Amino acid sequence: MLFQLPWDDELFPRAGQLELFDAFGSATKELHAFAGGHQETPEHAPAAWLAFLGRHLA
């Protein structure tokens, strides 16, 4: 499971997002946090998503 966390999310408080991530029972979960708000996705994020999928779907 890949969980993306915008550190300054104006819609979902960080504490709640971290609590949600902790609640997932997956042994292969990953948390990718980045600076910015809810609508801001860094340029490198899609490559990280594809790498995660490549590791877990191969």
PDB file of N, CA and C in Angstrom:
ATOM      1  N   MET A   1       0.833  -1.158   0.000  1.00  0.00           N
ATOM      2  CA  MET A   1       0.000   0.000   0.000  1.00  0.00           C
ATOM      3  C   MET A   1       0.886   1.232   0.000  1.00  0.00           C
ATOM      4  N   LEU A   2       0.595   2.160  -0.877  1.00  0.00           N
ATOM      5  CA  LEU A   2       1.323   3.421  -0.951  1.00  0.00           C
ATOM      6  C   LEU A   2       0.401   4.533  -0.486  1.00  0.00           C
ATOM      7  N   PHE A   3       0.861   5.309   0.465  1.00  0.00           N
ATOM      8  CA  PHE A   3       0.074   6.390   1.037  1.00  0.00           C
ATOM      9  C   PHE A   3       0.822   7.689   0.804  1.00  0.00           C
ATOM     10  N   GLN A   4       0.201   8.600   0.097  1.00  0.00           N
ATOM     11  CA  GLN A   4       0.807   9.902  -0.186  1.00  0.00           C
ATOM     12  C   GLN A   4       0.258  10.931   0.791  1.00  0.00           C
ATOM     13  N   LEU A   5       1.152  11.667   1.437  1.00  0.00           N
ATOM     14  CA  LEU A   5       0.757  12.628   2.466  1.00  0.00           C
ATOM     15  C   LEU A   5       1.269  14.021   2.130  1.00  0.00           C
ATOM     16  N   PRO A   6       0.389  14.924   1.702  1.00  0.00           N
ATOM     17  CA  PRO A   6       0.805  16.312   1.562  1.00  0.00           C
ATOM     18  C   PRO A   6       0.931  16.932   2.956  1.00  0.00           C
ATOM     19  N   TRP A   7       2.113  17.359   3.321  1.00  0.00           N
ATOM     20  CA  TRP A   7       2.412  17.768   4.684  1.00  0.00           C
ATOM     21  C   TRP A   7       1.560  18.937   5.152  1.00  0.00           C
ATOM     22  N   ASP A   8       1.195  19.817   4.260  1.00  0.00           N
ATOM     23  CA  ASP A   8       0.421  21.013   4.617  1.00  0.00           C
ATOM     24  C   ASP A   8      -0.998  20.965   4.058  1.00  0.00           C
ATOM     25  N   ASP A   9      -1.584  19.775   4.032  1.00  0.00           N
ATOM     26  CA  ASP A   9      -2.925  19.576   3.475  1.00  0.00           C
ATOM     27  C   ASP A   9      -3.939  20.436   4.218  1.00  0.00           C
ATOM     28  N   GLU A  10      -4.643  21.273   3.473  1.00  0.00           N
ATOM     29  CA  GLU A  10      -5.629  22.170   4.072  1.00  0.00           C
ATOM     30  C   GLU A  10      -6.994  21.503   4.263  1.00  0.00           C
ATOM     31  N   LEU A  11      -7.199  20.336   3.698  1.00  0.00           N
ATOM     32  CA  LEU A  11      -8.482  19.628   3.828  1.00  0.00           C
ATOM     33  C   LEU A  11      -8.459  18.538   4.900  1.00  0.00           C
ATOM     34  N   PHE A  12      -7.342  17.837   5.002  1.00  0.00           N
ATOM     35  CA  PHE A  12      -7.244  16.712   5.927  1.00  0.00           C
ATOM     36  C   PHE A  12      -6.070  16.948   6.877  1.00  0.00           C
ATOM     37  N   PRO A  13      -6.324  17.106   8.151  1.00  0.00           N
ATOM     38  CA  PRO A  13      -5.244  17.353   9.110  1.00  0.00           C
ATOM     39  C   PRO A  13      -4.208  16.227   9.107  1.00  0.00           C
ATOM     40  N   ARG A  14      -2.957  16.606   9.253  1.00  0.00           N
ATOM     41  CA  ARG A  14      -1.838  15.659   9.220  1.00  0.00           C
ATOM     42  C   ARG A  14      -1.998  14.547  10.256  1.00  0.00           C
ATOM     43  N   ALA A  15      -2.415  14.892  11.458  1.00  0.00           N
ATOM     44  CA  ALA A  15      -2.552  13.884  12.515  1.00  0.00           C
ATOM     45  C   ALA A  15      -3.540  12.795  12.112  1.00  0.00           C
ATOM     46  N   GLY A  16      -4.636  13.167  11.504  1.00  0.00           N
ATOM     47  CA  GLY A  16      -5.623  12.188  11.062  1.00  0.00           C
ATOM     48  C   GLY A  16      -5.102  11.313   9.939  1.00  0.00           C
ATOM     49  N   GLN A  17      -4.328  11.901   9.040  1.00  0.00           N
ATOM     50  CA  GLN A  17      -3.757  11.116   7.950  1.00  0.00           C
ATOM     51  C   GLN A  17      -2.744  10.104   8.482  1.00  0.00           C
ATOM     52  N   LEU A  18      -1.934  10.525   9.451  1.00  0.00           N
ATOM     53  CA  LEU A  18      -0.967   9.602  10.043  1.00  0.00           C
ATOM     54  C   LEU A  18      -1.679   8.490  10.817  1.00  0.00           C
ATOM     55  N   GLU A  19      -2.767   8.837  11.477  1.00  0.00           N
ATOM     56  CA  GLU A  19      -3.556   7.824  12.185  1.00  0.00           C
ATOM     57  C   GLU A  19      -4.141   6.812  11.206  1.00  0.00           C
ATOM     58  N   LEU A  20      -4.624   7.290  10.069  1.00  0.00           N
ATOM     59  CA  LEU A  20      -5.163   6.393   9.046  1.00  0.00           C
ATOM     60  C   LEU A  20      -4.073   5.471   8.515  1.00  0.00           C
ATOM     61  N   PHE A  21      -2.910   6.020   8.228  1.00  0.00           N
ATOM     62  CA  PHE A  21      -1.798   5.204   7.748  1.00  0.00           C
ATOM     63  C   PHE A  21      -1.440   4.122   8.765  1.00  0.00           C
ATOM     64  N   ASP A  22      -1.371   4.492  10.036  1.00  0.00           N
ATOM     65  CA  ASP A  22      -1.057   3.519  11.083  1.00  0.00           C
ATOM     66  C   ASP A  22      -2.108   2.416  11.181  1.00  0.00           C
ATOM     67  N   ALA A  23      -3.345   2.731  10.842  1.00  0.00           N
ATOM     68  CA  ALA A  23      -4.431   1.757  10.957  1.00  0.00           C
ATOM     69  C   ALA A  23      -4.378   0.675   9.879  1.00  0.00           C
ATOM     70  N   PHE A  24      -3.735   0.945   8.754  1.00  0.00           N
ATOM     71  CA  PHE A  24      -3.622  -0.062   7.707  1.00  0.00           C
ATOM     72  C   PHE A  24      -2.688  -1.172   8.175  1.00  0.00           C
ATOM     73  N   GLY A  25      -3.095  -2.401   7.978  1.00  0.00           N
ATOM     74  CA  GLY A  25      -2.345  -3.537   8.477  1.00  0.00           C
ATOM     75  C   GLY A  25      -1.352  -4.126   7.499  1.00  0.00           C
ATOM     76  N   SER A  26      -1.142  -3.508   6.374  1.00  0.00           N
ATOM     77  CA  SER A  26      -0.243  -4.050   5.363  1.00  0.00           C
ATOM     78  C   SER A  26       1.200  -4.088   5.850  1.00  0.00           C
ATOM     79  N   ALA A  27       1.886  -5.171   5.566  1.00  0.00           N
ATOM     80  CA  ALA A  27       3.302  -5.286   5.915  1.00  0.00           C
ATOM     81  C   ALA A  27       4.178  -4.547   4.905  1.00  0.00           C
ATOM     82  N   THR A  28       3.618  -4.186   3.780  1.00  0.00           N
ATOM     83  CA  THR A  28       4.394  -3.529   2.719  1.00  0.00           C
ATOM     84  C   THR A  28       3.955  -2.085   2.496  1.00  0.00           C
ATOM     85  N   LYS A  29       3.361  -1.476   3.493  1.00  0.00           N
ATOM     86  CA  LYS A  29       2.902  -0.105   3.307  1.00  0.00           C
ATOM     87  C   LYS A  29       4.068   0.871   3.307  1.00  0.00           C
ATOM     88  N   GLU A  30       3.903   1.943   2.524  1.00  0.00           N
ATOM     89  CA  GLU A  30       4.895   2.996   2.434  1.00  0.00           C
ATOM     90  C   GLU A  30       4.189   4.332   2.550  1.00  0.00           C
ATOM     91  N   LEU A  31       4.833   5.250   3.234  1.00  0.00           N
ATOM     92  CA  LEU A  31       4.318   6.605   3.389  1.00  0.00           C
ATOM     93  C   LEU A  31       5.245   7.544   2.640  1.00  0.00           C
ATOM     94  N   HIS A  32       4.689   8.284   1.687  1.00  0.00           N
ATOM     95  CA  HIS A  32       5.451   9.281   0.946  1.00  0.00           C
ATOM     96  C   HIS A  32       4.883  10.642   1.317  1.00  0.00           C
ATOM     97  N   ALA A  33       5.620  11.388   2.117  1.00  0.00           N
ATOM     98  CA  ALA A  33       5.206  12.728   2.536  1.00  0.00           C
ATOM     99  C   ALA A  33       5.964  13.762   1.713  1.00  0.00           C
ATOM    100  N   PHE A  34       5.296  14.861   1.429  1.00  0.00           N
ATOM    101  CA  PHE A  34       5.934  15.930   0.675  1.00  0.00           C
ATOM    102  C   PHE A  34       5.373  17.266   1.117  1.00  0.00           C
ATOM    103  N   ALA A  35       6.180  18.296   0.967  1.00  0.00           N
ATOM    104  CA  ALA A  35       5.746  19.643   1.309  1.00  0.00           C
ATOM    105  C   ALA A  35       4.671  20.095   0.329  1.00  0.00           C
ATOM    106  N   GLY A  36       3.696  20.813   0.844  1.00  0.00           N
ATOM    107  CA  GLY A  36       2.660  21.345  -0.027  1.00  0.00           C
ATOM    108  C   GLY A  36       1.275  21.018   0.461  1.00  0.00           C
ATOM    109  N   GLY A  37       0.309  21.527  -0.274  1.00  0.00           N
ATOM    110  CA  GLY A  37      -1.081  21.369   0.086  1.00  0.00           C
ATOM    111  C   GLY A  37      -1.771  20.238  -0.646  1.00  0.00           C
ATOM    112  N   HIS A  38      -3.080  20.168  -0.464  1.00  0.00           N
ATOM    113  CA  HIS A  38      -3.896  19.068  -0.970  1.00  0.00           C
ATOM    114  C   HIS A  38      -3.819  18.921  -2.492  1.00  0.00           C
ATOM    115  N   GLN A  39      -3.785  20.007  -3.199  1.00  0.00           N
ATOM    116  CA  GLN A  39      -3.795  19.960  -4.663  1.00  0.00           C
ATOM    117  C   GLN A  39      -2.396  19.989  -5.270  1.00  0.00           C
ATOM    118  N   GLU A  40      -1.362  19.938  -4.450  1.00  0.00           N
ATOM    119  CA  GLU A  40       0.010  20.041  -4.939  1.00  0.00           C
ATOM    120  C   GLU A  40       0.679  18.674  -4.932  1.00  0.00           C
ATOM    121  N   THR A  41       1.006  18.181  -6.112  1.00  0.00           N
ATOM    122  CA  THR A  41       1.713  16.913  -6.240  1.00  0.00           C
ATOM    123  C   THR A  41       3.088  17.216  -6.839  1.00  0.00           C
ATOM    124  N   PRO A  42       4.146  16.823  -6.163  1.00  0.00           N
ATOM    125  CA  PRO A  42       5.480  17.115  -6.697  1.00  0.00           C
ATOM    126  C   PRO A  42       5.737  16.364  -8.006  1.00  0.00           C
ATOM    127  N   GLU A  43       6.627  16.904  -8.797  1.00  0.00           N
ATOM    128  CA  GLU A  43       6.925  16.307 -10.107  1.00  0.00           C
ATOM    129  C   GLU A  43       7.444  14.881  -9.999  1.00  0.00           C
ATOM    130  N   HIS A  44       8.138  14.555  -8.911  1.00  0.00           N
ATOM    131  CA  HIS A  44       8.722  13.218  -8.774  1.00  0.00           C
ATOM    132  C   HIS A  44       7.714  12.171  -8.289  1.00  0.00           C
ATOM    133  N   ALA A  45       6.528  12.580  -7.867  1.00  0.00           N
ATOM    134  CA  ALA A  45       5.561  11.633  -7.292  1.00  0.00           C
ATOM    135  C   ALA A  45       5.140  10.525  -8.257  1.00  0.00           C
ATOM    136  N   PRO A  46       4.786  10.827  -9.515  1.00  0.00           N
ATOM    137  CA  PRO A  46       4.383   9.724 -10.406  1.00  0.00           C
ATOM    138  C   PRO A  46       5.464   8.656 -10.574  1.00  0.00           C
ATOM    139  N   ALA A  47       6.719   9.059 -10.607  1.00  0.00           N
ATOM    140  CA  ALA A  47       7.796   8.067 -10.719  1.00  0.00           C
ATOM    141  C   ALA A  47       7.841   7.188  -9.473  1.00  0.00           C
ATOM    142  N   ALA A  48       7.589   7.769  -8.307  1.00  0.00           N
ATOM    143  CA  ALA A  48       7.559   6.987  -7.067  1.00  0.00           C
ATOM    144  C   ALA A  48       6.395   6.003  -7.085  1.00  0.00           C
ATOM    145  N   TRP A  49       5.251   6.428  -7.599  1.00  0.00           N
ATOM    146  CA  TRP A  49       4.087   5.529  -7.683  1.00  0.00           C
ATOM    147  C   TRP A  49       4.403   4.349  -8.597  1.00  0.00           C
ATOM    148  N   LEU A  50       4.986   4.642  -9.763  1.00  0.00           N
ATOM    149  CA  LEU A  50       5.308   3.578 -10.707  1.00  0.00           C
ATOM    150  C   LEU A  50       6.349   2.626 -10.133  1.00  0.00           C
ATOM    151  N   ALA A  51       7.331   3.160  -9.425  1.00  0.00           N
ATOM    152  CA  ALA A  51       8.336   2.296  -8.806  1.00  0.00           C
ATOM    153  C   ALA A  51       7.705   1.385  -7.771  1.00  0.00           C
ATOM    154  N   PHE A  52       6.789   1.915  -6.975  1.00  0.00           N
ATOM    155  CA  PHE A  52       6.089   1.108  -5.970  1.00  0.00           C
ATOM    156  C   PHE A  52       5.315  -0.021  -6.658  1.00  0.00           C
ATOM    157  N   LEU A  53       4.570   0.332  -7.692  1.00  0.00           N
ATOM    158  CA  LEU A  53       3.811  -0.693  -8.417  1.00  0.00           C
ATOM    159  C   LEU A  53       4.724  -1.735  -9.041  1.00  0.00           C
ATOM    160  N   GLY A  54       5.829  -1.287  -9.592  1.00  0.00           N
ATOM    161  CA  GLY A  54       6.783  -2.210 -10.204  1.00  0.00           C
ATOM    162  C   GLY A  54       7.338  -3.207  -9.200  1.00  0.00           C
ATOM    163  N   ARG A  55       7.595  -2.746  -7.977  1.00  0.00           N
ATOM    164  CA  ARG A  55       8.119  -3.642  -6.933  1.00  0.00           C
ATOM    165  C   ARG A  55       7.074  -4.641  -6.457  1.00  0.00           C
ATOM    166  N   HIS A  56       5.809  -4.258  -6.478  1.00  0.00           N
ATOM    167  CA  HIS A  56       4.779  -5.097  -5.871  1.00  0.00           C
ATOM    168  C   HIS A  56       3.908  -5.868  -6.852  1.00  0.00           C
ATOM    169  N   LEU A  57       4.006  -5.538  -8.118  1.00  0.00           N
ATOM    170  CA  LEU A  57       3.217  -6.255  -9.122  1.00  0.00           C
ATOM    171  C   LEU A  57       4.061  -7.150 -10.001  1.00  0.00           C
ATOM    172  N   ALA A  58       5.350  -7.101  -9.825  1.00  0.00           N
ATOM    173  CA  ALA A  58       6.256  -7.901 -10.684  1.00  0.00           C
ATOM    174  C   ALA A  58       6.204  -9.362 -10.298  1.00  0.00           C
TER     175      ALA A  58
END
